[in-house]
Protein backbone atom coordinates (compact mmCIF):
# COMPACT_ATOMS: atom_id res chain seq x y z
CA MET A 1 54.64 -7.51 38.57
CA THR A 2 54.53 -4.27 40.66
CA SER A 3 51.72 -1.79 40.34
CA HIS A 4 54.04 1.20 40.31
CA TRP A 5 56.86 0.80 37.77
CA VAL A 6 58.08 4.34 38.73
CA GLU A 7 58.49 3.30 42.36
CA ARG A 8 60.43 0.21 41.19
CA GLY A 9 62.79 2.54 39.34
CA ALA A 10 63.44 4.49 42.48
CA GLN A 11 65.15 1.50 44.04
CA VAL A 12 68.71 2.38 42.95
CA ARG A 13 71.60 0.29 43.99
CA ALA A 14 73.84 1.83 46.67
CA ILE A 15 77.46 2.10 45.51
CA ALA A 16 80.59 4.06 46.55
CA PRO A 17 80.37 7.79 46.18
CA SER A 18 83.42 7.99 43.86
CA ALA A 19 81.62 5.58 41.48
CA ASP A 20 78.22 7.13 42.00
CA ILE A 21 78.82 10.55 40.41
CA LEU A 22 77.66 9.53 36.92
CA ASP A 23 74.53 7.78 38.19
CA ARG A 24 73.67 10.78 40.30
CA ILE A 25 73.93 13.14 37.24
CA ILE A 26 72.84 10.98 34.33
CA VAL A 27 69.88 8.78 35.16
CA GLY A 28 69.47 5.46 33.24
CA GLU A 29 70.79 1.97 32.86
CA SER A 30 69.87 1.15 29.29
CA ALA A 31 72.66 -0.03 26.96
CA PRO A 32 73.06 3.44 25.26
CA ILE A 33 73.32 5.24 28.57
CA ARG A 34 75.80 2.73 29.92
CA GLN A 35 77.95 3.25 26.98
CA LEU A 36 77.62 7.06 27.27
CA LYS A 37 78.76 6.84 30.90
CA ARG A 38 81.78 4.73 29.85
CA VAL A 39 82.81 7.28 27.32
CA ILE A 40 82.35 10.19 29.89
CA ALA A 41 84.50 8.33 32.44
CA ALA A 42 87.23 7.86 29.90
CA VAL A 43 87.35 11.41 28.57
CA ALA A 44 86.76 13.23 31.81
CA VAL A 45 90.25 12.66 33.18
CA SER A 46 92.00 14.12 30.10
CA ASP A 47 92.23 17.77 29.07
CA ALA A 48 90.82 17.13 25.58
CA ALA A 49 88.17 19.47 24.29
CA VAL A 50 84.84 17.73 24.16
CA LEU A 51 81.97 18.39 21.72
CA VAL A 52 78.65 16.98 23.16
CA ARG A 53 76.17 16.34 20.31
CA GLY A 54 72.46 15.48 20.49
CA GLN A 55 68.92 16.56 19.85
CA THR A 56 67.30 19.27 21.83
CA GLY A 57 66.29 18.27 25.27
CA VAL A 58 68.42 15.16 25.71
CA GLY A 59 70.51 16.53 28.56
CA LYS A 60 73.78 17.71 26.97
CA GLU A 61 74.29 20.10 29.90
CA LEU A 62 74.31 17.13 32.23
CA VAL A 63 77.19 15.53 30.17
CA ALA A 64 79.14 18.78 30.73
CA GLU A 65 78.46 18.67 34.39
CA ALA A 66 79.52 14.94 34.67
CA ILE A 67 82.75 15.60 32.76
CA HIS A 68 83.59 18.58 35.00
CA ARG A 69 82.79 16.65 38.16
CA LEU A 70 84.97 13.70 37.17
CA SER A 71 87.85 15.81 35.86
CA GLY A 72 89.18 16.76 39.27
CA ARG A 73 89.51 20.40 38.30
CA SER A 74 89.31 22.65 41.33
CA GLY A 75 87.65 25.59 39.51
CA ALA A 76 83.98 26.11 38.73
CA LEU A 77 81.87 24.90 35.85
CA VAL A 78 80.80 28.08 33.96
CA ALA A 79 78.05 27.72 31.41
CA VAL A 80 77.17 30.04 28.51
CA ASN A 81 74.36 29.53 26.21
CA CYS A 82 75.52 31.17 22.93
CA ALA A 83 72.07 31.12 21.41
CA ALA A 84 70.39 32.85 24.43
CA ILE A 85 72.64 35.95 24.48
CA PRO A 86 72.42 38.67 21.81
CA ALA A 87 75.43 38.72 19.54
CA ASP A 88 76.30 42.27 20.40
CA LEU A 89 76.51 41.33 24.13
CA LEU A 90 78.12 37.83 23.80
CA GLU A 91 81.66 39.14 23.43
CA SER A 92 81.41 41.17 26.62
CA GLU A 93 79.79 38.10 28.40
CA LEU A 94 82.66 35.82 27.33
CA PHE A 95 85.72 38.17 27.61
CA GLY A 96 84.53 40.67 30.11
CA HIS A 97 85.07 44.46 29.72
CA GLU A 98 86.91 47.43 31.35
CA LYS A 99 85.15 50.44 32.73
CA GLY A 100 84.12 52.83 29.96
CA ALA A 101 84.71 50.32 27.21
CA PHE A 102 81.23 51.12 25.78
CA THR A 103 78.15 53.04 26.80
CA GLY A 104 76.82 51.64 30.06
CA ALA A 105 80.05 50.05 31.05
CA ASP A 106 80.26 52.00 34.31
CA LYS A 107 82.44 49.40 35.95
CA ALA A 108 84.86 46.59 34.97
CA ARG A 109 83.39 43.16 34.61
CA VAL A 110 85.00 39.72 34.68
CA GLY A 111 84.00 37.57 31.68
CA ARG A 112 82.94 33.97 31.81
CA ILE A 113 86.19 32.73 30.44
CA GLU A 114 88.13 34.25 33.35
CA GLN A 115 85.55 32.85 35.75
CA ALA A 116 86.27 29.34 34.35
CA HIS A 117 90.03 29.67 35.12
CA GLY A 118 91.02 26.38 36.81
CA GLY A 119 87.68 24.83 35.93
CA THR A 120 85.54 24.04 32.93
CA LEU A 121 84.02 26.38 30.38
CA PHE A 122 80.73 24.98 28.92
CA LEU A 123 79.59 26.70 25.67
CA ASP A 124 76.15 25.44 24.91
CA GLU A 125 74.84 25.86 21.35
CA ILE A 126 78.21 26.76 20.00
CA GLY A 127 76.86 26.48 16.49
CA ASP A 128 75.00 29.79 17.08
CA MET A 129 78.23 31.74 17.78
CA PRO A 130 78.81 34.71 15.48
CA ALA A 131 81.71 34.36 13.04
CA ALA A 132 83.63 37.28 14.56
CA LEU A 133 83.58 35.65 17.95
CA GLN A 134 84.55 32.31 16.54
CA ALA A 135 87.93 33.88 15.51
CA LYS A 136 88.45 35.37 18.88
CA LEU A 137 87.62 32.09 20.71
CA LEU A 138 90.08 30.29 18.35
CA ARG A 139 92.80 32.62 19.41
CA VAL A 140 92.10 31.98 23.11
CA LEU A 141 92.29 28.28 22.54
CA GLU A 142 95.63 28.65 20.75
CA SER A 143 97.30 31.28 23.13
CA HIS A 144 95.57 30.53 26.42
CA ARG A 145 95.28 34.40 26.77
CA ILE A 146 92.36 36.76 26.84
CA GLN A 147 91.85 40.49 26.53
CA ARG A 148 88.86 42.16 28.02
CA VAL A 149 86.73 44.44 25.79
CA GLY A 150 88.31 47.88 26.06
CA GLY A 151 91.36 46.53 27.78
CA GLY A 152 95.00 46.46 26.79
CA ALA A 153 96.73 43.85 28.95
CA GLU A 154 96.29 40.16 28.31
CA GLN A 155 95.63 37.62 30.93
CA MET A 156 96.53 33.85 31.02
CA VAL A 157 93.65 31.50 31.40
CA ASP A 158 93.58 27.76 32.04
CA PHE A 159 90.23 25.96 31.48
CA ARG A 160 88.75 22.75 30.17
CA LEU A 161 86.49 23.44 27.17
CA VAL A 162 83.26 21.49 26.67
CA CYS A 163 80.93 22.58 23.84
CA ALA A 164 77.45 21.37 22.94
CA THR A 165 75.25 21.69 19.84
CA HIS A 166 72.15 20.19 18.32
CA ARG A 167 73.32 21.24 14.84
CA ASP A 168 75.40 19.14 12.41
CA LEU A 169 78.57 21.26 12.64
CA GLY A 170 80.10 19.45 9.76
CA GLN A 171 77.36 20.70 7.48
CA THR A 172 77.64 24.24 8.84
CA VAL A 173 81.42 24.14 8.07
CA GLU A 174 80.65 23.08 4.52
CA ARG A 175 78.20 25.99 4.18
CA GLY A 176 80.80 28.43 5.46
CA GLU A 177 78.75 29.26 8.56
CA PHE A 178 81.33 27.86 11.06
CA ARG A 179 85.12 28.02 10.96
CA ALA A 180 86.73 24.65 10.14
CA ASP A 181 89.77 25.38 12.15
CA LEU A 182 87.63 26.07 15.30
CA PHE A 183 85.53 22.99 14.59
CA PHE A 184 88.57 20.79 14.78
CA ARG A 185 89.73 22.57 17.95
CA ILE A 186 86.53 21.97 19.84
CA SER A 187 85.80 18.52 18.64
CA VAL A 188 88.92 16.65 19.75
CA PHE A 189 86.57 14.13 21.44
CA PRO A 190 82.94 14.13 20.16
CA VAL A 191 80.34 12.66 22.50
CA THR A 192 76.82 11.83 21.35
CA VAL A 193 73.81 11.74 23.68
CA PRO A 194 71.15 9.34 22.62
CA PRO A 195 67.53 10.55 22.20
CA LEU A 196 64.92 9.38 24.57
CA THR A 197 63.30 7.05 21.94
CA ASP A 198 66.53 5.03 21.99
CA ARG A 199 66.38 4.47 25.73
CA THR A 200 62.69 4.18 26.61
CA ALA A 201 63.70 1.52 29.23
CA ASP A 202 65.07 4.35 31.32
CA ILE A 203 61.70 6.25 31.50
CA PRO A 204 60.75 4.70 34.85
CA LEU A 205 64.04 5.55 36.36
CA ILE A 206 63.93 9.13 34.96
CA LEU A 207 60.40 9.67 36.25
CA ALA A 208 61.43 8.37 39.65
CA ARG A 209 64.31 10.83 39.86
CA MET A 210 62.15 13.68 38.73
CA ILE A 211 59.42 12.90 41.14
CA SER A 212 61.93 12.62 44.00
CA ASP A 213 63.53 16.00 43.10
CA ARG A 214 60.14 17.57 42.82
CA LEU A 215 59.10 16.28 46.16
CA ALA A 216 62.30 17.41 47.80
CA GLU A 217 61.63 20.94 46.66
CA HIS A 218 57.85 20.82 47.50
CA PRO A 219 57.31 18.22 50.19
CA ALA A 220 53.60 19.16 50.49
CA LEU A 221 52.77 18.04 46.89
CA ASP A 222 50.92 14.78 46.28
CA ALA A 223 52.72 12.80 43.63
CA PRO A 224 50.96 11.02 40.80
CA HIS A 225 51.55 7.32 40.11
CA PHE A 226 51.94 5.63 36.76
CA ASP A 227 50.62 2.18 36.16
CA PRO A 228 52.20 -0.32 33.71
CA GLY A 229 49.92 0.77 30.84
CA ALA A 230 50.91 4.41 31.41
CA ILE A 231 54.58 3.46 31.19
CA ARG A 232 54.01 1.55 27.99
CA ALA A 233 52.06 4.58 26.54
CA LEU A 234 54.95 6.89 27.47
CA SER A 235 57.48 4.45 25.89
CA ALA A 236 55.51 4.39 22.63
CA TYR A 237 55.54 8.17 22.25
CA ALA A 238 58.08 9.79 19.79
CA TRP A 239 59.41 12.34 22.32
CA PRO A 240 60.59 15.15 19.94
CA GLY A 241 61.53 17.21 22.99
CA ASN A 242 63.25 14.24 24.66
CA VAL A 243 63.90 14.34 28.45
CA ARG A 244 62.92 17.94 28.69
CA GLU A 245 59.51 17.15 27.23
CA LEU A 246 59.12 14.20 29.55
CA LYS A 247 59.73 16.69 32.46
CA ASN A 248 56.91 18.88 31.09
CA VAL A 249 54.65 15.87 31.00
CA LEU A 250 55.43 15.06 34.61
CA MET A 251 54.61 18.62 35.66
CA ARG A 252 51.33 18.23 33.98
CA ALA A 253 50.74 15.01 35.92
CA PHE A 254 51.31 16.77 39.22
CA VAL A 255 48.68 19.38 38.23
CA MET A 256 46.09 16.96 36.81
CA PHE A 257 46.56 13.81 38.74
CA PRO A 258 47.78 14.64 42.31
CA GLY A 259 47.90 11.39 44.22
CA ARG A 260 46.00 9.58 41.51
CA MET A 261 46.90 6.55 39.40
CA ILE A 262 47.65 7.42 35.80
CA THR A 263 46.64 4.92 33.04
CA SER A 264 47.56 4.80 29.39
CA ARG A 265 44.31 6.62 28.48
CA HIS A 266 45.29 9.49 30.86
CA VAL A 267 48.71 9.67 29.12
CA ARG A 268 47.21 9.84 25.67
CA ASP A 269 44.21 12.04 26.37
CA ASN A 270 45.35 14.26 29.18
CA LEU A 271 49.10 14.46 29.57
CA LEU A 272 49.84 14.34 25.73
CA GLY A 273 46.50 15.40 24.45
CA MET A 274 46.16 18.24 26.89
CA GLN A 275 42.53 17.53 27.81
CA MET A 276 41.66 18.16 31.45
CA PRO A 277 40.44 14.92 33.09
CA ASP A 278 36.80 14.58 34.14
CA PHE A 279 36.87 12.40 37.20
CA ASP A 280 33.17 13.07 37.92
CA GLY A 281 32.36 11.65 34.48
CA ASP A 282 34.44 8.48 34.84
CA SER A 283 32.29 5.45 34.43
CA VAL A 284 32.50 2.45 36.62
CA GLU A 285 31.92 -0.83 34.70
CA VAL A 286 29.83 -3.55 36.22
CA MET A 287 31.72 -6.80 35.88
CA PRO A 288 29.89 -10.06 35.08
CA GLU A 289 30.13 -12.99 37.36
CA PRO A 290 33.69 -14.42 37.22
CA PRO A 291 34.34 -18.02 36.61
CA ILE A 292 34.97 -20.35 39.55
CA PRO A 293 38.81 -19.93 40.18
CA ASP A 294 39.45 -23.65 40.84
CA ALA A 295 37.64 -24.60 37.49
CA ALA A 296 39.91 -22.10 35.66
CA GLY A 297 43.06 -23.37 37.29
CA LEU A 298 43.55 -20.38 39.52
CA PRO A 299 43.92 -20.35 43.33
CA ASP A 300 40.67 -19.59 45.29
CA PRO A 301 40.67 -16.04 46.73
CA SER A 302 40.55 -17.42 50.20
CA ARG A 303 44.02 -18.77 49.82
CA PHE A 304 45.32 -15.13 49.54
CA HIS A 305 44.20 -14.45 53.12
CA GLU A 306 47.16 -15.96 54.88
CA ALA A 307 49.72 -14.41 52.71
CA LEU A 308 48.08 -10.95 52.57
CA SER A 309 47.47 -10.90 56.40
CA ARG A 310 51.21 -10.55 56.96
CA LEU A 311 51.22 -7.34 55.01
CA THR A 312 51.00 -3.90 56.78
CA ASP A 313 50.43 -1.87 53.60
CA LEU A 314 49.00 -2.76 50.15
CA ASP A 315 47.94 -0.78 47.19
CA LEU A 316 44.71 -2.69 46.54
CA ARG A 317 43.66 -0.96 43.34
CA GLY A 318 47.15 -1.25 41.85
CA TYR A 319 47.47 -4.92 42.82
CA ILE A 320 44.09 -5.83 41.36
CA ARG A 321 44.92 -3.84 38.18
CA ASP A 322 48.17 -5.84 37.71
CA ILE A 323 46.24 -9.08 38.18
CA GLU A 324 43.77 -7.98 35.59
CA VAL A 325 46.51 -7.11 33.11
CA ALA A 326 48.22 -10.45 33.60
CA LEU A 327 44.96 -12.32 33.09
CA ILE A 328 44.09 -10.43 29.90
CA GLU A 329 47.58 -11.06 28.45
CA ALA A 330 47.37 -14.68 29.44
CA ALA A 331 44.02 -15.09 27.72
CA LEU A 332 45.23 -13.40 24.52
CA ASP A 333 48.36 -15.66 24.54
CA LYS A 334 46.20 -18.78 25.02
CA ARG A 335 43.96 -17.61 22.02
CA GLN A 336 46.81 -16.56 19.82
CA GLY A 337 45.74 -12.84 20.08
CA ASN A 338 42.15 -13.44 19.11
CA VAL A 339 40.30 -10.72 21.10
CA ALA A 340 36.80 -12.29 20.62
CA GLN A 341 37.92 -15.66 22.03
CA ALA A 342 39.93 -14.07 24.82
CA ALA A 343 36.89 -12.02 25.80
CA GLU A 344 34.75 -15.20 25.85
CA ALA A 345 37.25 -16.96 28.04
CA LEU A 346 37.30 -14.02 30.51
CA ARG A 347 33.42 -13.74 30.28
CA LEU A 348 33.70 -10.15 29.03
CA ARG A 349 32.02 -8.46 26.04
CA ARG A 350 34.42 -8.11 23.22
CA THR A 351 33.98 -4.23 23.28
CA THR A 352 34.72 -4.29 27.03
CA LEU A 353 37.92 -6.24 26.58
CA ILE A 354 39.01 -3.89 23.82
CA GLU A 355 38.43 -0.81 26.13
CA LYS A 356 40.39 -2.53 28.89
CA MET A 357 43.24 -3.28 26.47
CA LYS A 358 43.42 0.34 25.35
CA LYS A 359 43.21 1.45 29.01
CA PHE A 360 46.17 -0.78 30.03
CA GLY A 361 48.17 -0.22 26.82
CA ILE A 362 47.86 -3.82 25.60
CA ARG A 363 48.20 -3.66 21.91
CA ARG A 364 48.27 -7.37 20.90
CA GLY A 365 45.13 -8.40 18.92
CA LEU A 366 43.65 -5.02 18.65
CA THR A 367 43.42 -5.31 14.83
CA VAL A 368 41.58 -8.69 15.12
């Protein structure tokens, strides 16, 4: 068992650049993510309109980027967040305008649809598009022509359309809030991005990538480290904000724990509970005399000398912590999860063992 699960996640296999695009953009190797990558690879080479569905913060924009990168289109990926632009400005943003088309239009402006010519147009939060613009977008998709606001001539456009939404567009269609004909136009190939709770096995890999990206931007920063208990605590969290929320948690870790080891207690109390850590108040527990290793069926510490003498670098605290976790779990397994008996076998007070189990995120037997 390694002390830094995140560092383990950073050891990504080297593969050919042509096959590596998806792994570079979408981090993870869990079953749901492997399935998502297969779907993206299949649909990217076609011209079919794609509707990316998923909860807020799952990374729908990364799916759009991956589809564009794998499509082979020579143009740019042009992204528009339909929910972030006021309704009265969205038409000009998409279609562009001619000089004098409205007050303040002192010069002509190319719209996002024109900018996507030869490339991919990504309409994020398409469910928030006003009804009037839905009709105009439908016409563009049918005719492949656009007309700038205040203009007369039409222009041909060629772009791949990828849309995204966290809404259930089927229900919005039933309520009359979204055009049914546009819905069927944009959802030729629906793609669903799984929430983080469905792929918690990817958390170490995602953290490793985020830490690497953060250090690339700010090399002087001292990165935090997550022990196994911290990873288990992160995996047990509900993640309503998905990967975006995980990124926020990591930013807090850089601020609160620069260069420090993060435990499950730190995750719960500080990173999720938003309490500032009090390192001066951390107590150091005095351990009772350990049993003689040979009598317990364990190797004597002197036998580690030869193996460890060959090492040039070792995280001693992390290594000892992993040994402690392994011994606690083994004692619990031997005593069928009975905490009192496990504490006796380890020559610990029952309350001390419970605190250690909470610290390391070991849940078995805590109700005993």
